[in-house]
Amino acid sequence: MKQTPRTPHPSRPSRTPRAVAALATAGAAALVATLGWTSPAAADHTLPPNIPSDSVAQEQLDGLDVQPKGPQDGYDRSLFPHWNVVESPCTARQVVLERDGHDVVTDDSCQPTEGSWWSAFDDEWVYDEPSDISVDHLVPLSEAWKTGAADWTTDERADFANDVESSQLWLATQASNGEKGDQDPSEWMPSNTDVHCDYAKSWIDVKDRYDLTITDDEQSSLQGTLDSSC
């Protein structure tokens, strides 16, 4: 896989025994201070690609089909095969970790072994442990199932679940990913209000790309976010 140049981060000193002990108790901000690391700059806050402009997102929202969600009956995550190889030998998850991370080092199988990753949902950084950062389906798989994907083929659902070209896959801490669950923007928005505009525009774009429906409440929430945050 072609390596994307990364903006270097300030060097991080070796972890002393005291610093290692702090790993178990310190929060992210306290840990950065304890280890003497410099927090990455706002310029290093990488979002997924191809988030539409305000005007395009508005046009897309106006064109979405508004109707109640369908039933969850028959849904299973296995019906959306992921994480598939999308750029040999790299899986969709590995591509996103390398694409949106910083100072990412990968092994021969494309698995990141070190780096840093920013979670836009809660404005938190994860350092060195790729297993601690989630790759979130912005429009959750079960949400897609209830708004159109139940009628797709398995290949179509796999394309949706491994889409590294749109802004469907976001980095997120495990906590924020779990908090979000399968809720739509009328039910949950990131605690980091600075990304509300991009979050809403990405949600609209994914729904438009895959011809998925939205509810009245979802439409109202998305419109309100475009009006107030974009």
Protein backbone atom coordinates (compact mmCIF):
# COMPACT_ATOMS: atom_id res chain seq x y z
CA MET A 1 0.00 0.00 0.00
CA LYS A 2 1.29 3.47 -0.84
CA GLN A 3 2.34 5.25 2.31
CA THR A 4 0.86 8.70 2.89
CA PRO A 5 3.31 11.26 4.29
CA ARG A 6 2.46 12.17 7.87
CA THR A 7 3.13 15.35 9.75
CA PRO A 8 5.79 14.49 12.32
CA HIS A 9 4.80 14.72 15.96
CA PRO A 10 7.14 15.95 18.68
CA SER A 11 9.33 13.13 19.87
CA ARG A 12 8.04 11.20 22.84
CA PRO A 13 10.49 10.25 25.60
CA SER A 14 10.95 6.69 26.78
CA ARG A 15 8.41 5.66 29.37
CA THR A 16 9.84 5.58 32.86
CA PRO A 17 8.46 3.13 35.47
CA ARG A 18 6.52 6.01 36.99
CA ALA A 19 5.08 6.90 33.60
CA VAL A 20 4.14 3.31 32.90
CA ALA A 21 2.34 3.12 36.24
CA ALA A 22 0.40 6.22 35.27
CA LEU A 23 -1.04 4.41 32.27
CA ALA A 24 -3.44 2.52 34.49
CA THR A 25 -4.90 5.55 36.22
CA ALA A 26 -4.43 8.70 34.17
CA GLY A 27 -7.03 10.03 31.77
CA ALA A 28 -5.93 10.92 28.25
CA ALA A 29 -5.11 14.56 28.99
CA ALA A 30 -3.37 13.75 32.29
CA LEU A 31 -1.45 10.94 30.65
CA VAL A 32 -0.10 13.22 27.94
CA ALA A 33 1.12 15.60 30.62
CA THR A 34 2.57 12.78 32.74
CA LEU A 35 4.59 11.40 29.87
CA GLY A 36 5.78 14.79 28.75
CA TRP A 37 4.17 14.46 25.34
CA THR A 38 2.98 17.46 23.41
CA SER A 39 -0.65 17.20 22.37
CA PRO A 40 -1.01 17.15 18.59
CA ALA A 41 -2.09 20.41 17.02
CA ALA A 42 -5.59 21.04 15.75
CA ALA A 43 -4.16 20.84 12.24
CA ASP A 44 -3.52 17.14 12.89
CA HIS A 45 -7.22 16.46 13.50
CA THR A 46 -7.86 14.30 10.45
CA LEU A 47 -11.42 13.68 9.29
CA PRO A 48 -12.53 11.13 6.68
CA PRO A 49 -12.34 12.14 3.01
CA ASN A 50 -15.00 13.51 0.68
CA ILE A 51 -17.21 15.31 3.20
CA PRO A 52 -19.51 17.43 1.00
CA SER A 53 -19.72 21.20 1.04
CA ASP A 54 -22.52 22.94 2.92
CA SER A 55 -24.46 23.63 -0.27
CA VAL A 56 -24.11 20.08 -1.62
CA ALA A 57 -25.17 18.61 1.73
CA GLN A 58 -28.25 20.82 1.71
CA GLU A 59 -29.18 19.68 -1.79
CA GLN A 60 -28.67 16.07 -0.78
CA LEU A 61 -30.78 16.46 2.36
CA ASP A 62 -33.60 18.05 0.35
CA GLY A 63 -33.58 15.04 -1.97
CA LEU A 64 -33.63 12.25 0.62
CA ASP A 65 -36.72 10.07 0.94
CA VAL A 66 -38.42 10.66 4.30
CA GLN A 67 -40.27 7.73 5.81
CA PRO A 68 -40.40 5.67 9.02
CA LYS A 69 -37.66 3.13 9.65
CA GLY A 70 -38.33 -0.46 8.74
CA PRO A 71 -38.13 -3.35 11.19
CA GLN A 72 -34.92 -4.83 12.61
CA ASP A 73 -36.23 -8.30 11.75
CA GLY A 74 -33.61 -10.49 10.13
CA TYR A 75 -30.70 -8.15 10.84
CA ASP A 76 -27.29 -9.56 11.72
CA ARG A 77 -23.88 -7.89 11.44
CA SER A 78 -22.62 -10.90 9.48
CA LEU A 79 -24.91 -9.82 6.64
CA PHE A 80 -22.52 -6.87 6.14
CA PRO A 81 -19.15 -8.66 5.62
CA HIS A 82 -16.28 -6.58 7.04
CA TRP A 83 -13.37 -5.90 7.39
CA ASN A 84 -12.63 -7.01 3.83
CA VAL A 85 -9.38 -6.54 1.91
CA VAL A 86 -9.85 -3.38 -0.15
CA GLU A 87 -6.27 -2.64 -1.20
CA SER A 88 -4.15 -5.78 -0.97
CA PRO A 89 -3.04 -6.74 1.58
CA CYS A 90 -4.89 -4.07 3.57
CA THR A 91 -8.36 -4.46 5.03
CA ALA A 92 -10.77 -1.54 5.21
CA ARG A 93 -10.01 -1.09 8.92
CA GLN A 94 -6.26 -1.05 8.28
CA VAL A 95 -6.68 1.45 5.45
CA VAL A 96 -8.60 3.84 7.70
CA LEU A 97 -6.11 3.48 10.56
CA GLU A 98 -3.28 4.39 8.19
CA ARG A 99 -5.29 6.99 6.24
CA ASP A 100 -6.48 9.04 9.21
CA GLY A 101 -3.75 8.30 11.73
CA HIS A 102 -0.47 10.11 12.32
CA ASP A 103 3.06 8.70 12.39
CA VAL A 104 1.57 5.31 11.56
CA VAL A 105 3.97 2.39 11.16
CA THR A 106 2.65 -0.81 9.59
CA ASP A 107 4.02 -4.33 9.35
CA ASP A 108 4.22 -6.51 6.23
CA SER A 109 0.55 -7.47 6.57
CA CYS A 110 -0.52 -3.79 6.69
CA GLN A 111 -1.35 -3.95 10.40
CA PRO A 112 -0.42 -0.71 12.24
CA THR A 113 2.08 -1.35 15.01
CA GLU A 114 2.36 2.20 16.31
CA GLY A 115 1.02 5.68 15.68
CA SER A 116 -1.56 8.08 17.07
CA TRP A 117 -5.24 8.39 16.25
CA TRP A 118 -7.71 11.22 16.88
CA SER A 119 -11.32 10.48 17.76
CA ALA A 120 -13.44 13.33 16.40
CA PHE A 121 -16.50 12.30 18.40
CA ASP A 122 -14.98 13.21 21.77
CA ASP A 123 -11.76 15.05 20.80
CA GLU A 124 -9.54 12.38 22.35
CA TRP A 125 -6.22 10.90 21.18
CA VAL A 126 -5.19 7.26 21.30
CA TYR A 127 -1.44 6.60 21.26
CA ASP A 128 0.48 3.54 20.10
CA GLU A 129 -2.30 0.96 20.59
CA PRO A 130 -4.32 0.56 17.37
CA SER A 131 -6.56 -1.99 19.11
CA ASP A 132 -7.78 0.84 21.38
CA ILE A 133 -9.25 2.90 18.52
CA SER A 134 -12.46 1.89 16.78
CA VAL A 135 -13.29 2.35 13.13
CA ASP A 136 -16.93 3.37 13.28
CA HIS A 137 -19.54 2.99 10.59
CA LEU A 138 -20.95 6.52 10.65
CA VAL A 139 -24.31 5.27 9.42
CA PRO A 140 -24.51 2.11 11.55
CA LEU A 141 -25.08 -1.22 9.87
CA SER A 142 -28.37 -1.82 11.69
CA GLU A 143 -29.51 1.72 10.85
CA ALA A 144 -28.78 1.03 7.19
CA TRP A 145 -30.69 -2.26 7.43
CA LYS A 146 -33.81 -0.44 8.66
CA THR A 147 -33.58 2.28 6.03
CA GLY A 148 -33.02 0.31 2.84
CA ALA A 149 -30.13 -2.16 3.13
CA ALA A 150 -32.40 -5.07 4.04
CA ASP A 151 -33.18 -5.26 0.33
CA TRP A 152 -29.55 -5.20 -0.81
CA THR A 153 -27.43 -8.12 -1.94
CA THR A 154 -24.60 -9.32 0.28
CA ASP A 155 -22.08 -7.75 -2.10
CA GLU A 156 -23.85 -4.39 -1.85
CA ARG A 157 -23.83 -4.58 1.94
CA ALA A 158 -20.11 -5.47 1.87
CA ASP A 159 -19.40 -2.42 -0.30
CA PHE A 160 -21.22 -0.26 2.24
CA ALA A 161 -19.45 -1.76 5.25
CA ASN A 162 -15.97 -1.38 3.70
CA ASP A 163 -16.35 2.00 2.00
CA VAL A 164 -13.01 3.77 2.44
CA GLU A 165 -13.70 6.32 -0.32
CA SER A 166 -16.56 8.24 1.30
CA SER A 167 -16.82 9.63 4.84
CA GLN A 168 -18.65 6.52 6.08
CA LEU A 169 -15.76 5.26 8.26
CA TRP A 170 -14.60 7.41 11.20
CA LEU A 171 -12.03 6.86 13.92
CA ALA A 172 -13.61 6.83 17.37
CA THR A 173 -12.64 5.91 20.89
CA GLN A 174 -14.28 2.74 22.08
CA ALA A 175 -16.23 4.75 24.65
CA SER A 176 -17.72 7.20 22.14
CA ASN A 177 -18.40 4.43 19.63
CA GLY A 178 -20.26 2.45 22.27
CA GLU A 179 -22.19 5.50 23.39
CA LYS A 180 -23.33 6.21 19.84
CA GLY A 181 -24.47 2.64 19.17
CA ASP A 182 -26.91 2.54 16.26
CA GLN A 183 -28.52 5.91 17.00
CA ASP A 184 -29.22 8.45 14.26
CA PRO A 185 -28.51 12.21 14.64
CA SER A 186 -31.94 12.88 16.13
CA GLU A 187 -30.95 10.56 18.99
CA TRP A 188 -27.21 11.16 19.39
CA MET A 189 -24.58 13.67 18.33
CA PRO A 190 -20.87 13.76 19.24
CA SER A 191 -19.91 15.43 22.51
CA ASN A 192 -17.33 17.37 20.48
CA THR A 193 -19.57 20.11 19.10
CA ASP A 194 -16.82 21.32 16.76
CA VAL A 195 -17.48 18.36 14.45
CA HIS A 196 -21.27 18.58 14.40
CA CYS A 197 -21.31 20.22 10.96
CA ASP A 198 -18.99 17.64 9.37
CA TYR A 199 -20.79 14.81 11.15
CA ALA A 200 -24.18 15.92 9.80
CA LYS A 201 -22.85 16.51 6.28
CA SER A 202 -21.18 13.10 6.25
CA TRP A 203 -24.35 11.40 7.47
CA ILE A 204 -26.38 13.13 4.75
CA ASP A 205 -23.83 12.21 2.08
CA VAL A 206 -23.76 8.53 3.04
CA LYS A 207 -27.55 8.35 3.10
CA ASP A 208 -27.59 9.99 -0.34
CA ARG A 209 -24.84 7.78 -1.82
CA TYR A 210 -26.62 4.61 -0.80
CA ASP A 211 -30.19 5.78 -1.37
CA LEU A 212 -31.13 5.22 2.27
CA THR A 213 -34.19 6.83 3.83
CA ILE A 214 -34.40 9.20 6.79
CA THR A 215 -37.14 9.82 9.34
CA ASP A 216 -38.91 13.13 10.02
CA ASP A 217 -36.97 13.56 13.27
CA GLU A 218 -33.70 12.72 11.55
CA GLN A 219 -34.37 15.27 8.80
CA SER A 220 -35.25 17.95 11.35
CA SER A 221 -32.11 17.28 13.40
CA LEU A 222 -29.86 17.32 10.33
CA GLN A 223 -31.41 20.53 9.04
CA GLY A 224 -31.02 22.15 12.42
CA THR A 225 -27.35 21.19 12.51
CA LEU A 226 -26.72 22.56 9.02
CA ASP A 227 -28.42 25.82 10.03
CA SER A 228 -26.66 26.22 13.36
CA SER A 229 -23.23 24.62 12.95
CA CYS A 230 -22.27 24.96 9.27
